[in-house]
Protein backbone atom coordinates (compact mmCIF):
# COMPACT_ATOMS: atom_id res chain seq x y z
CA MET A 1 -0.77 24.89 -7.62
CA GLN A 2 0.16 22.20 -10.11
CA GLN A 3 -2.36 19.35 -10.20
CA ASN A 4 -1.59 15.82 -11.28
CA ARG A 5 -3.73 14.09 -13.87
CA PRO A 6 -5.59 10.99 -12.61
CA ASP A 7 -3.60 8.76 -14.99
CA GLU A 8 -0.34 10.06 -13.51
CA LEU A 9 -1.52 9.19 -10.01
CA ALA A 10 -2.54 5.72 -11.14
CA ALA A 11 0.75 5.12 -12.96
CA THR A 12 2.85 5.97 -9.90
CA SER A 13 0.48 4.75 -7.18
CA HIS A 14 2.49 1.67 -6.28
CA PHE A 15 5.74 3.61 -5.99
CA LEU A 16 4.01 6.19 -3.79
CA SER A 17 2.53 3.46 -1.63
CA TRP A 18 5.96 1.83 -1.35
CA TYR A 19 7.56 5.14 -0.36
CA VAL A 20 4.96 5.86 2.35
CA ASN A 21 5.61 2.40 3.79
CA GLN A 22 9.38 2.98 3.76
CA ALA A 23 8.98 6.42 5.31
CA LYS A 24 6.81 5.05 8.11
CA THR A 25 8.81 1.92 8.85
CA GLU A 26 12.38 2.87 7.94
CA HIS A 27 12.14 6.68 8.19
CA TRP A 28 13.52 7.12 4.68
CA SER A 29 13.67 10.59 3.18
CA PRO A 30 12.41 11.11 -0.39
CA ASP A 31 16.04 11.35 -1.56
CA ALA A 32 16.95 8.02 0.05
CA ALA A 33 13.84 6.27 -1.28
CA VAL A 34 14.18 7.48 -4.87
CA GLY A 35 17.88 6.64 -4.88
CA ALA A 36 17.35 3.16 -3.48
CA ALA A 37 14.48 2.40 -5.85
CA ARG A 38 16.53 3.47 -8.87
CA ARG A 39 19.64 1.54 -7.84
CA ALA A 40 17.65 -1.64 -7.20
CA LYS A 41 15.49 -1.06 -10.31
CA LEU A 42 12.35 -1.71 -8.29
CA PHE A 43 10.25 0.42 -10.63
CA THR A 44 10.44 1.60 -14.21
CA PRO A 45 10.98 5.35 -14.73
CA GLU A 46 7.31 5.69 -15.73
CA GLU A 47 6.21 4.14 -12.43
CA MET A 48 8.17 6.63 -10.31
CA VAL A 49 8.24 10.34 -9.55
CA CYS A 50 11.42 12.32 -8.99
CA THR A 51 12.63 13.54 -5.60
CA THR A 52 11.36 17.07 -6.22
CA THR A 53 7.87 15.83 -7.05
CA LEU A 54 7.88 13.52 -4.03
CA TYR A 55 8.76 16.42 -1.72
CA ARG A 56 6.00 18.47 -3.33
CA TYR A 57 3.47 15.70 -2.73
CA ILE A 58 4.46 15.69 0.94
CA ASP A 59 4.25 19.49 1.18
CA ASP A 60 0.81 19.41 -0.50
CA GLN A 61 -0.32 16.67 1.93
CA ARG A 62 -1.05 14.25 -0.90
CA LEU A 63 0.63 11.41 0.98
CA GLU A 64 0.15 9.99 4.44
CA ILE A 65 3.45 11.44 5.60
CA ARG A 66 4.75 14.92 6.36
CA ASN A 67 8.27 16.30 6.32
CA ILE A 68 8.11 16.98 10.04
CA ASP A 69 7.04 13.38 10.64
CA LEU A 70 10.29 12.10 9.16
CA VAL A 71 12.34 14.11 11.66
CA GLU A 72 10.08 13.37 14.64
CA LYS A 73 9.97 9.65 13.87
CA ALA A 74 13.73 9.46 13.57
CA ASN A 75 14.09 11.14 16.98
CA ARG A 76 11.48 8.88 18.60
CA ARG A 77 12.30 5.67 16.74
CA THR A 78 12.87 3.46 19.77
CA LYS A 79 9.78 4.73 21.57
CA GLN A 80 7.53 4.22 18.53
CA HIS A 81 8.74 0.69 18.02
CA LYS A 82 7.68 -0.19 21.54
CA SER A 83 4.24 1.32 21.17
CA THR A 84 3.31 0.01 17.72
CA LYS A 85 5.28 -3.14 17.04
CA HIS A 86 2.89 -5.36 18.98
CA LYS A 87 -0.31 -3.89 17.66
CA ARG A 88 -2.90 -6.65 17.45
CA LEU A 89 -3.44 -7.93 13.93
CA ALA A 90 -6.93 -7.86 12.45
CA GLY A 91 -6.53 -11.42 11.16
CA ARG A 92 -3.96 -14.04 10.23
CA SER A 93 -0.34 -12.96 10.15
CA ILE A 94 1.64 -12.83 6.92
CA GLU A 95 3.92 -15.37 8.62
CA LYS A 96 1.15 -17.96 8.15
CA ARG A 97 0.77 -17.26 4.45
CA PRO A 98 1.66 -20.33 2.31
CA LYS A 99 5.28 -20.37 1.21
CA ALA A 100 4.13 -21.02 -2.34
CA VAL A 101 2.92 -17.42 -2.46
CA GLU A 102 6.51 -16.20 -2.15
CA ARG A 103 7.59 -18.11 -5.25
CA ARG A 104 5.22 -16.20 -7.57
CA LYS A 105 4.46 -19.31 -9.63
CA GLN A 106 0.69 -19.29 -9.17
CA PHE A 107 -1.69 -16.57 -10.29
CA GLY A 108 -4.14 -15.21 -7.75
CA HIS A 109 -2.12 -13.86 -4.83
CA TRP A 110 -2.63 -10.12 -4.32
CA GLU A 111 -1.23 -7.25 -2.26
CA MET A 112 -3.72 -4.56 -1.21
CA ASP A 113 -3.07 -0.95 -0.23
CA THR A 114 -4.57 2.53 -0.41
CA VAL A 115 -3.02 5.62 -1.96
CA VAL A 116 -4.17 9.06 -0.84
CA GLY A 117 -3.90 12.06 -3.16
CA LYS A 118 -5.77 15.17 -4.21
CA ARG A 119 -8.20 15.61 -7.07
CA ASN A 120 -9.73 18.97 -7.92
CA GLY A 121 -8.49 20.30 -4.59
CA ARG A 122 -10.13 17.50 -2.61
CA GLU A 123 -8.65 14.38 -1.07
CA SER A 124 -9.00 11.28 -3.21
CA VAL A 125 -8.29 7.69 -2.22
CA ILE A 126 -7.41 4.83 -4.56
CA LEU A 127 -7.71 1.19 -3.56
CA SER A 128 -4.87 -0.73 -5.18
CA LEU A 129 -4.52 -4.50 -5.62
CA ILE A 130 -1.44 -5.93 -7.33
CA GLU A 131 -1.10 -9.57 -8.32
CA ARG A 132 2.23 -11.03 -7.25
CA LYS A 133 3.03 -13.22 -10.27
CA THR A 134 1.97 -10.97 -13.17
CA ARG A 135 1.92 -7.60 -11.39
CA CYS A 136 -1.55 -7.06 -12.81
CA GLN A 137 -2.95 -4.01 -11.02
CA LEU A 138 -6.55 -3.25 -10.08
CA LEU A 139 -7.36 0.35 -9.13
CA ARG A 140 -10.62 1.65 -7.70
CA LEU A 141 -11.36 5.23 -6.71
CA ILE A 142 -13.14 4.97 -3.34
CA ASP A 143 -15.02 7.46 -1.18
CA GLY A 144 -12.58 7.50 1.72
CA ARG A 145 -9.82 5.70 3.59
CA ASP A 146 -12.14 3.72 5.84
CA SER A 147 -13.29 0.12 6.10
CA ASP A 148 -16.79 0.81 4.72
CA SER A 149 -15.41 2.40 1.55
CA VAL A 150 -12.92 -0.43 1.05
CA GLU A 151 -15.59 -3.09 1.60
CA PHE A 152 -17.97 -1.40 -0.84
CA ALA A 153 -15.32 -1.37 -3.58
CA LEU A 154 -14.45 -5.00 -2.92
CA ARG A 155 -18.01 -6.08 -3.70
CA GLU A 156 -17.50 -5.08 -7.34
CA ILE A 157 -14.01 -6.56 -7.44
CA LYS A 158 -15.29 -9.88 -6.04
CA LEU A 159 -17.94 -10.08 -8.75
CA GLU A 160 -15.39 -9.52 -11.51
CA TRP A 161 -12.36 -11.34 -10.10
CA GLY A 162 -13.73 -13.67 -7.40
CA ASP A 163 -12.18 -16.94 -8.61
CA CYS A 164 -8.83 -15.20 -9.19
CA LEU A 165 -8.52 -13.95 -5.60
CA ARG A 166 -6.74 -16.83 -3.87
CA THR A 167 -5.10 -14.70 -1.18
CA ILE A 168 -4.98 -11.00 -0.30
CA THR A 169 -2.29 -9.48 1.92
CA ALA A 170 -2.86 -6.05 3.44
CA ASP A 171 -1.23 -3.93 6.09
CA ASN A 172 -2.76 -3.67 9.55
CA GLY A 173 -4.49 -0.33 8.97
CA PRO A 174 -8.06 0.26 10.18
CA GLU A 175 -9.36 0.53 6.61
CA PHE A 176 -8.61 -3.19 6.18
CA SER A 177 -10.01 -4.33 9.52
CA THR A 178 -13.12 -5.96 8.00
CA LEU A 179 -11.52 -7.88 5.14
CA ASN A 180 -12.29 -11.24 6.72
CA LYS A 181 -15.94 -10.25 6.95
CA ALA A 182 -15.95 -9.01 3.35
CA PHE A 183 -14.60 -12.36 2.10
CA GLU A 184 -16.31 -14.73 4.53
CA ASP A 185 -18.51 -16.14 1.73
CA THR A 186 -15.54 -16.86 -0.56
CA ASP A 187 -12.44 -19.07 -0.72
CA THR A 188 -10.13 -16.05 -0.51
CA ASP A 189 -7.64 -16.17 2.38
CA ILE A 190 -6.72 -12.87 4.06
CA PHE A 191 -3.34 -12.14 5.64
CA TYR A 192 -1.97 -9.09 7.45
CA ALA A 193 1.54 -7.67 7.63
CA HIS A 194 2.87 -6.62 11.03
CA SER A 195 3.37 -2.98 11.93
CA TYR A 196 6.96 -1.87 11.28
CA THR A 197 7.50 -4.90 9.05
CA SER A 198 7.45 -4.13 5.34
CA PRO A 199 4.91 -6.43 3.68
CA THR A 200 6.14 -8.57 0.81
CA ARG A 201 5.29 -6.25 -2.06
CA PRO A 202 5.46 -7.38 -5.69
CA THR A 203 8.18 -4.92 -6.69
CA ILE A 204 10.20 -5.28 -3.50
CA ALA A 205 10.45 -8.97 -2.65
């Protein structure tokens, strides 16, 4: 089985994260996602993988989506919207985030996500933070996709980047459920995107 080098995973991590979000919320196939991303020039060629590679990642279970999920979700779209749309947020809604964040004029507003892959035959998880104005990206290899692992990694990030973390926006996944606790001793404001609502990502908005 072909293995990806760690630098390749890091280089395409934001595209992969974007695709997983589109697959979960909009039920996009790899073909549709790659085509849309290229037409809209959301990513540079170096930041993307081709359709064949994206399908292979899904087959190898390197992403949080399976081929069968795309079909099942399309068939149960209405039902899933009813069951997940009103999931309680872990903190303040993205709707309450200052409008100035949208304009990308001020440094310090970040989007946070996790990317799941495989390394040496084992699952690996990368914590990704991307700054909205400059698209500066912070990557940390963490022990797992859980709140404890995320919080542990954030301790180091806070020490290095504390004053630069004005806001952080994350999805409503359980791995981000303790962000408010992790930043309670700082001036960083935490916001959460709603389920089935694509968060305002740096390369999308």
